[in-house]
PDB file of N, CA and C in Angstrom:
ATOM      1  N   MET A   1      56.165  95.094 115.623  1.00  0.00           N
ATOM      2  CA  MET A   1      56.852  95.005 116.730  1.00  0.00           C
ATOM      3  C   MET A   1      58.234  95.047 116.310  1.00  0.00           C
ATOM      4  N   LYS A   2      59.189  95.784 116.897  1.00  0.00           N
ATOM      5  CA  LYS A   2      60.550  95.876 116.663  1.00  0.00           C
ATOM      6  C   LYS A   2      61.338  94.798 117.289  1.00  0.00           C
ATOM      7  N   ASP A   3      62.331  94.225 116.323  1.00  0.00           N
ATOM      8  CA  ASP A   3      63.171  93.182 116.931  1.00  0.00           C
ATOM      9  C   ASP A   3      64.084  93.644 118.009  1.00  0.00           C
ATOM     10  N   VAL A   4      64.172  93.168 119.168  1.00  0.00           N
ATOM     11  CA  VAL A   4      65.099  93.462 120.128  1.00  0.00           C
ATOM     12  C   VAL A   4      66.530  93.282 119.844  1.00  0.00           C
ATOM     13  N   TYR A   5      66.847  92.390 118.777  1.00  0.00           N
ATOM     14  CA  TYR A   5      68.186  92.157 118.466  1.00  0.00           C
ATOM     15  C   TYR A   5      68.702  92.890 117.159  1.00  0.00           C
ATOM     16  N   GLU A   6      67.649  93.884 116.731  1.00  0.00           N
ATOM     17  CA  GLU A   6      68.130  94.604 115.498  1.00  0.00           C
ATOM     18  C   GLU A   6      69.171  95.646 116.005  1.00  0.00           C
ATOM     19  N   LEU A   7      70.221  95.653 115.003  1.00  0.00           N
ATOM     20  CA  LEU A   7      71.476  96.577 115.337  1.00  0.00           C
ATOM     21  C   LEU A   7      71.094  98.165 114.881  1.00  0.00           C
ATOM     22  N   SER A   8      71.533  98.933 115.561  1.00  0.00           N
ATOM     23  CA  SER A   8      71.315 100.432 115.345  1.00  0.00           C
ATOM     24  C   SER A   8      72.072 100.609 113.999  1.00  0.00           C
ATOM     25  N   PRO A   9      71.755 101.590 113.238  1.00  0.00           N
ATOM     26  CA  PRO A   9      72.570 101.931 111.979  1.00  0.00           C
ATOM     27  C   PRO A   9      73.965 102.086 112.291  1.00  0.00           C
ATOM     28  N   SER A  10      74.371 102.827 113.413  1.00  0.00           N
ATOM     29  CA  SER A  10      75.730 103.168 113.626  1.00  0.00           C
ATOM     30  C   SER A  10      76.553 101.829 113.992  1.00  0.00           C
ATOM     31  N   MET A  11      75.905 100.822 114.731  1.00  0.00           N
ATOM     32  CA  MET A  11      76.438  99.596 114.875  1.00  0.00           C
ATOM     33  C   MET A  11      76.733  98.781 113.727  1.00  0.00           C
ATOM     34  N   ARG A  12      75.658  98.900 112.748  1.00  0.00           N
ATOM     35  CA  ARG A  12      75.910  98.192 111.485  1.00  0.00           C
ATOM     36  C   ARG A  12      77.038  98.789 110.590  1.00  0.00           C
ATOM     37  N   VAL A  13      77.167 100.029 110.685  1.00  0.00           N
ATOM     38  CA  VAL A  13      78.363 100.612 109.909  1.00  0.00           C
ATOM     39  C   VAL A  13      79.619 100.320 110.684  1.00  0.00           C
ATOM     40  N   LEU A  14      79.708 100.298 111.879  1.00  0.00           N
ATOM     41  CA  LEU A  14      80.980  99.778 112.566  1.00  0.00           C
ATOM     42  C   LEU A  14      81.302  98.311 112.243  1.00  0.00           C
ATOM     43  N   ILE A  15      80.311  97.478 112.215  1.00  0.00           N
ATOM     44  CA  ILE A  15      80.693  96.233 111.781  1.00  0.00           C
ATOM     45  C   ILE A  15      81.148  96.227 110.343  1.00  0.00           C
ATOM     46  N   LEU A  16      80.314  96.840 109.458  1.00  0.00           N
ATOM     47  CA  LEU A  16      80.703  96.991 108.009  1.00  0.00           C
ATOM     48  C   LEU A  16      82.097  97.344 107.776  1.00  0.00           C
ATOM     49  N   LEU A  17      82.588  98.447 108.594  1.00  0.00           N
ATOM     50  CA  LEU A  17      83.954  98.961 108.274  1.00  0.00           C
ATOM     51  C   LEU A  17      84.902  97.884 108.669  1.00  0.00           C
ATOM     52  N   HIS A  18      84.607  97.114 109.835  1.00  0.00           N
ATOM     53  CA  HIS A  18      85.601  96.125 110.212  1.00  0.00           C
ATOM     54  C   HIS A  18      85.501  95.016 109.078  1.00  0.00           C
ATOM     55  N   ASN A  19      84.332  94.588 108.628  1.00  0.00           N
ATOM     56  CA  ASN A  19      84.358  93.572 107.527  1.00  0.00           C
ATOM     57  C   ASN A  19      84.933  93.832 106.195  1.00  0.00           C
ATOM     58  N   ILE A  20      85.086  95.133 105.960  1.00  0.00           N
ATOM     59  CA  ILE A  20      85.679  95.592 104.666  1.00  0.00           C
ATOM     60  C   ILE A  20      87.041  96.020 104.941  1.00  0.00           C
ATOM     61  N   SER A  21      87.709  95.693 106.277  1.00  0.00           N
ATOM     62  CA  SER A  21      88.946  96.013 106.601  1.00  0.00           C
ATOM     63  C   SER A  21      89.402  97.368 106.580  1.00  0.00           C
ATOM     64  N   ALA A  22      88.437  98.308 106.824  1.00  0.00           N
ATOM     65  CA  ALA A  22      88.910  99.908 106.825  1.00  0.00           C
ATOM     66  C   ALA A  22      89.251 100.045 108.289  1.00  0.00           C
ATOM     67  N   VAL A  23      90.367  99.629 108.586  1.00  0.00           N
ATOM     68  CA  VAL A  23      91.080  99.612 109.942  1.00  0.00           C
ATOM     69  C   VAL A  23      92.257 100.682 110.100  1.00  0.00           C
ATOM     70  N   ASP A  24      92.626 101.335 109.046  1.00  0.00           N
ATOM     71  CA  ASP A  24      93.668 102.184 109.175  1.00  0.00           C
ATOM     72  C   ASP A  24      93.569 103.268 107.951  1.00  0.00           C
ATOM     73  N   TYR A  25      94.323 104.143 107.817  1.00  0.00           N
ATOM     74  CA  TYR A  25      94.265 105.270 106.877  1.00  0.00           C
ATOM     75  C   TYR A  25      94.548 104.581 105.483  1.00  0.00           C
ATOM     76  N   SER A  26      95.512 103.595 105.361  1.00  0.00           N
ATOM     77  CA  SER A  26      95.841 102.975 104.140  1.00  0.00           C
ATOM     78  C   SER A  26      94.712 102.134 103.487  1.00  0.00           C
ATOM     79  N   SER A  27      93.660 101.676 104.267  1.00  0.00           N
ATOM     80  CA  SER A  27      92.480 100.898 103.976  1.00  0.00           C
ATOM     81  C   SER A  27      91.206 101.758 104.085  1.00  0.00           C
ATOM     82  N   ALA A  28      91.310 103.034 104.380  1.00  0.00           N
ATOM     83  CA  ALA A  28      90.155 103.700 104.595  1.00  0.00           C
ATOM     84  C   ALA A  28      89.267 103.795 103.252  1.00  0.00           C
ATOM     85  N   LYS A  29      87.995 104.173 103.506  1.00  0.00           N
ATOM     86  CA  LYS A  29      86.935 104.037 102.406  1.00  0.00           C
ATOM     87  C   LYS A  29      86.239 105.293 102.305  1.00  0.00           C
ATOM     88  N   ARG A  30      85.843 105.723 101.154  1.00  0.00           N
ATOM     89  CA  ARG A  30      84.941 106.753 100.783  1.00  0.00           C
ATOM     90  C   ARG A  30      83.633 106.475 101.191  1.00  0.00           C
ATOM     91  N   VAL A  31      82.885 107.597 101.496  1.00  0.00           N
ATOM     92  CA  VAL A  31      81.355 107.368 101.771  1.00  0.00           C
ATOM     93  C   VAL A  31      80.689 106.567 100.670  1.00  0.00           C
ATOM     94  N   GLU A  32      81.153 106.768  99.422  1.00  0.00           N
ATOM     95  CA  GLU A  32      80.458 106.184  98.343  1.00  0.00           C
ATOM     96  C   GLU A  32      80.775 104.701  98.294  1.00  0.00           C
ATOM     97  N   ASP A  33      81.993 104.321  98.723  1.00  0.00           N
ATOM     98  CA  ASP A  33      82.270 102.983  98.837  1.00  0.00           C
ATOM     99  C   ASP A  33      81.544 102.305  99.942  1.00  0.00           C
ATOM    100  N   ILE A  34      81.339 102.869 100.999  1.00  0.00           N
ATOM    101  CA  ILE A  34      80.582 102.401 102.119  1.00  0.00           C
ATOM    102  C   ILE A  34      79.039 102.394 101.688  1.00  0.00           C
ATOM    103  N   ASP A  35      78.640 103.418 101.111  1.00  0.00           N
ATOM    104  CA  ASP A  35      77.198 103.500 100.779  1.00  0.00           C
ATOM    105  C   ASP A  35      76.736 102.339  99.985  1.00  0.00           C
ATOM    106  N   GLY A  36      77.521 101.833  99.052  1.00  0.00           N
ATOM    107  CA  GLY A  36      77.213 100.690  98.097  1.00  0.00           C
ATOM    108  C   GLY A  36      76.932  99.344  98.873  1.00  0.00           C
ATOM    109  N   LEU A  37      77.664  99.310  99.968  1.00  0.00           N
ATOM    110  CA  LEU A  37      77.549  98.179 100.853  1.00  0.00           C
ATOM    111  C   LEU A  37      76.464  98.095 101.942  1.00  0.00           C
ATOM    112  N   SER A  38      76.214  99.363 102.301  1.00  0.00           N
ATOM    113  CA  SER A  38      75.550  99.469 103.708  1.00  0.00           C
ATOM    114  C   SER A  38      74.034  99.128 103.593  1.00  0.00           C
ATOM    115  N   GLY A  39      73.322  99.399 102.409  1.00  0.00           N
ATOM    116  CA  GLY A  39      71.900  99.150 102.414  1.00  0.00           C
ATOM    117  C   GLY A  39      71.133 100.237 102.941  1.00  0.00           C
ATOM    118  N   MET A  40      71.797 101.337 103.347  1.00  0.00           N
ATOM    119  CA  MET A  40      71.060 102.566 103.983  1.00  0.00           C
ATOM    120  C   MET A  40      70.999 103.592 103.034  1.00  0.00           C
ATOM    121  N   SER A  41      70.110 104.491 103.349  1.00  0.00           N
ATOM    122  CA  SER A  41      70.040 105.778 102.664  1.00  0.00           C
ATOM    123  C   SER A  41      71.352 106.510 102.994  1.00  0.00           C
ATOM    124  N   GLU A  42      71.685 107.527 102.026  1.00  0.00           N
ATOM    125  CA  GLU A  42      72.928 108.317 102.125  1.00  0.00           C
ATOM    126  C   GLU A  42      72.913 109.103 103.475  1.00  0.00           C
ATOM    127  N   GLN A  43      71.699 109.512 103.654  1.00  0.00           N
ATOM    128  CA  GLN A  43      71.650 110.444 104.968  1.00  0.00           C
ATOM    129  C   GLN A  43      71.745 109.556 106.275  1.00  0.00           C
ATOM    130  N   GLU A  44      71.210 108.483 106.206  1.00  0.00           N
ATOM    131  CA  GLU A  44      71.262 107.381 107.387  1.00  0.00           C
ATOM    132  C   GLU A  44      72.694 107.055 107.607  1.00  0.00           C
ATOM    133  N   LEU A  45      73.398 106.646 106.449  1.00  0.00           N
ATOM    134  CA  LEU A  45      74.918 106.362 106.684  1.00  0.00           C
ATOM    135  C   LEU A  45      75.685 107.589 107.080  1.00  0.00           C
ATOM    136  N   GLN A  46      75.380 108.813 106.494  1.00  0.00           N
ATOM    137  CA  GLN A  46      76.083 109.922 107.000  1.00  0.00           C
ATOM    138  C   GLN A  46      75.936 110.194 108.504  1.00  0.00           C
ATOM    139  N   ASN A  47      74.720 110.084 108.943  1.00  0.00           N
ATOM    140  CA  ASN A  47      74.317 110.289 110.400  1.00  0.00           C
ATOM    141  C   ASN A  47      75.093 109.186 111.215  1.00  0.00           C
ATOM    142  N   ALA A  48      75.201 107.984 110.851  1.00  0.00           N
ATOM    143  CA  ALA A  48      75.832 106.984 111.431  1.00  0.00           C
ATOM    144  C   ALA A  48      77.322 107.171 111.674  1.00  0.00           C
ATOM    145  N   LEU A  49      77.965 107.634 110.408  1.00  0.00           N
ATOM    146  CA  LEU A  49      79.202 107.981 110.546  1.00  0.00           C
ATOM    147  C   LEU A  49      79.659 109.127 111.444  1.00  0.00           C
ATOM    148  N   ASP A  50      78.767 110.214 111.325  1.00  0.00           N
ATOM    149  CA  ASP A  50      78.965 111.235 112.207  1.00  0.00           C
ATOM    150  C   ASP A  50      78.917 110.894 113.626  1.00  0.00           C
ATOM    151  N   GLU A  51      77.911 110.017 114.034  1.00  0.00           N
ATOM    152  CA  GLU A  51      77.766 109.511 115.356  1.00  0.00           C
ATOM    153  C   GLU A  51      78.946 108.723 115.895  1.00  0.00           C
ATOM    154  N   LEU A  52      79.481 107.734 114.938  1.00  0.00           N
ATOM    155  CA  LEU A  52      80.610 106.920 115.337  1.00  0.00           C
ATOM    156  C   LEU A  52      81.868 107.942 115.406  1.00  0.00           C
ATOM    157  N   ALA A  53      81.950 108.822 114.554  1.00  0.00           N
ATOM    158  CA  ALA A  53      83.135 109.864 114.790  1.00  0.00           C
ATOM    159  C   ALA A  53      82.984 110.687 116.066  1.00  0.00           C
ATOM    160  N   SER A  54      81.940 111.009 116.649  1.00  0.00           N
ATOM    161  CA  SER A  54      81.723 111.873 117.695  1.00  0.00           C
ATOM    162  C   SER A  54      82.142 111.027 118.831  1.00  0.00           C
ATOM    163  N   TYR A  55      81.912 109.472 118.833  1.00  0.00           N
ATOM    164  CA  TYR A  55      82.329 108.743 119.934  1.00  0.00           C
ATOM    165  C   TYR A  55      83.825 108.299 119.814  1.00  0.00           C
ATOM    166  N   GLY A  56      84.420 108.613 118.760  1.00  0.00           N
ATOM    167  CA  GLY A  56      85.855 108.279 118.568  1.00  0.00           C
ATOM    168  C   GLY A  56      86.063 106.955 118.068  1.00  0.00           C
ATOM    169  N   TYR A  57      84.982 106.280 117.565  1.00  0.00           N
ATOM    170  CA  TYR A  57      85.064 104.854 117.178  1.00  0.00           C
ATOM    171  C   TYR A  57      85.616 104.982 115.525  1.00  0.00           C
ATOM    172  N   VAL A  58      85.307 106.034 114.858  1.00  0.00           N
ATOM    173  CA  VAL A  58      85.624 106.083 113.436  1.00  0.00           C
ATOM    174  C   VAL A  58      86.521 107.359 113.345  1.00  0.00           C
ATOM    175  N   LEU A  59      87.499 107.399 112.570  1.00  0.00           N
ATOM    176  CA  LEU A  59      88.226 108.420 112.264  1.00  0.00           C
ATOM    177  C   LEU A  59      87.947 108.849 110.714  1.00  0.00           C
ATOM    178  N   ARG A  60      88.057 110.248 110.545  1.00  0.00           N
ATOM    179  CA  ARG A  60      87.734 110.923 109.253  1.00  0.00           C
ATOM    180  C   ARG A  60      88.886 111.660 108.877  1.00  0.00           C
ATOM    181  N   ARG A  61      89.350 111.323 107.704  1.00  0.00           N
ATOM    182  CA  ARG A  61      90.584 112.083 107.175  1.00  0.00           C
ATOM    183  C   ARG A  61      90.607 112.164 105.616  1.00  0.00           C
ATOM    184  N   ASP A  62      90.736 113.314 105.098  1.00  0.00           N
ATOM    185  CA  ASP A  62      90.786 113.447 103.744  1.00  0.00           C
ATOM    186  C   ASP A  62      89.555 113.013 103.065  1.00  0.00           C
ATOM    187  N   GLY A  63      88.430 112.914 103.512  1.00  0.00           N
ATOM    188  CA  GLY A  63      87.171 112.306 102.899  1.00  0.00           C
ATOM    189  C   GLY A  63      87.089 110.911 103.110  1.00  0.00           C
ATOM    190  N   LEU A  64      87.933 110.234 103.907  1.00  0.00           N
ATOM    191  CA  LEU A  64      88.044 108.810 103.990  1.00  0.00           C
ATOM    192  C   LEU A  64      87.613 108.469 105.513  1.00  0.00           C
ATOM    193  N   TYR A  65      86.997 107.322 105.699  1.00  0.00           N
ATOM    194  CA  TYR A  65      86.613 106.816 107.013  1.00  0.00           C
ATOM    195  C   TYR A  65      87.244 105.449 107.325  1.00  0.00           C
ATOM    196  N   TYR A  66      87.652 105.335 108.580  1.00  0.00           N
ATOM    197  CA  TYR A  66      88.200 104.089 109.106  1.00  0.00           C
ATOM    198  C   TYR A  66      88.125 103.933 110.590  1.00  0.00           C
ATOM    199  N   LEU A  67      88.184 102.701 111.026  1.00  0.00           N
ATOM    200  CA  LEU A  67      87.948 102.470 112.438  1.00  0.00           C
ATOM    201  C   LEU A  67      89.281 102.953 113.276  1.00  0.00           C
ATOM    202  N   SER A  68      88.979 103.514 114.369  1.00  0.00           N
ATOM    203  CA  SER A  68      89.961 103.915 115.317  1.00  0.00           C
ATOM    204  C   SER A  68      90.379 102.774 116.151  1.00  0.00           C
ATOM    205  N   GLY A  69      91.379 102.865 116.892  1.00  0.00           N
ATOM    206  CA  GLY A  69      91.709 101.768 117.787  1.00  0.00           C
ATOM    207  C   GLY A  69      90.606 101.422 118.748  1.00  0.00           C
ATOM    208  N   LEU A  70      89.813 102.388 119.302  1.00  0.00           N
ATOM    209  CA  LEU A  70      88.679 102.347 120.029  1.00  0.00           C
ATOM    210  C   LEU A  70      87.615 101.689 119.378  1.00  0.00           C
ATOM    211  N   GLY A  71      87.323 101.944 118.008  1.00  0.00           N
ATOM    212  CA  GLY A  71      86.349 101.315 117.324  1.00  0.00           C
ATOM    213  C   GLY A  71      86.662  99.831 117.171  1.00  0.00           C
ATOM    214  N   ILE A  72      87.984  99.532 116.970  1.00  0.00           N
ATOM    215  CA  ILE A  72      88.342  98.131 116.720  1.00  0.00           C
ATOM    216  C   ILE A  72      88.163  97.341 118.118  1.00  0.00           C
ATOM    217  N   SER A  73      88.319  98.132 119.171  1.00  0.00           N
ATOM    218  CA  SER A  73      88.131  97.414 120.529  1.00  0.00           C
ATOM    219  C   SER A  73      86.627  97.079 120.685  1.00  0.00           C
ATOM    220  N   ILE A  74      85.829  98.030 120.230  1.00  0.00           N
ATOM    221  CA  ILE A  74      84.530  97.790 120.453  1.00  0.00           C
ATOM    222  C   ILE A  74      83.919  96.553 119.549  1.00  0.00           C
ATOM    223  N   ILE A  75      84.514  96.369 118.408  1.00  0.00           N
ATOM    224  CA  ILE A  75      84.245  95.268 117.570  1.00  0.00           C
ATOM    225  C   ILE A  75      84.697  93.988 118.079  1.00  0.00           C
ATOM    226  N   ARG A  76      85.928  94.069 118.600  1.00  0.00           N
ATOM    227  CA  ARG A  76      86.489  92.871 119.336  1.00  0.00           C
ATOM    228  C   ARG A  76      85.467  92.434 120.655  1.00  0.00           C
ATOM    229  N   SER A  77      84.983  93.357 121.324  1.00  0.00           N
ATOM    230  CA  SER A  77      84.077  93.068 122.333  1.00  0.00           C
ATOM    231  C   SER A  77      82.881  92.369 121.915  1.00  0.00           C
ATOM    232  N   ILE A  78      82.391  92.568 120.757  1.00  0.00           N
ATOM    233  CA  ILE A  78      81.175  91.987 120.204  1.00  0.00           C
ATOM    234  C   ILE A  78      81.493  90.368 119.875  1.00  0.00           C
ATOM    235  N   TYR A  79      82.619  90.123 119.586  1.00  0.00           N
ATOM    236  CA  TYR A  79      82.989  88.728 119.169  1.00  0.00           C
ATOM    237  C   TYR A  79      83.715  87.883 120.173  1.00  0.00           C
ATOM    238  N   THR A  80      83.787  88.552 121.436  1.00  0.00           N
ATOM    239  CA  THR A  80      84.430  87.646 122.594  1.00  0.00           C
ATOM    240  C   THR A  80      83.518  87.570 123.724  1.00  0.00           C
TER     241      THR A  80
END
């Protein structure tokens, strides 16, 4: 039976990016950096990053990933 409180891979990555302070270009992380912390397969991580980017929650620039203002707002909504 699946835990109803289990987070989706994309939500786990969103929270992870916040926890490692990847909140702007100067603190952006490479996939390899995120992969080492995510506990996901490389394909699952890439799918999650692609999904987050398609929603505008994560920005991708020069092979680096970081939270957009919208992504930060989503994180804030979790904690309030």
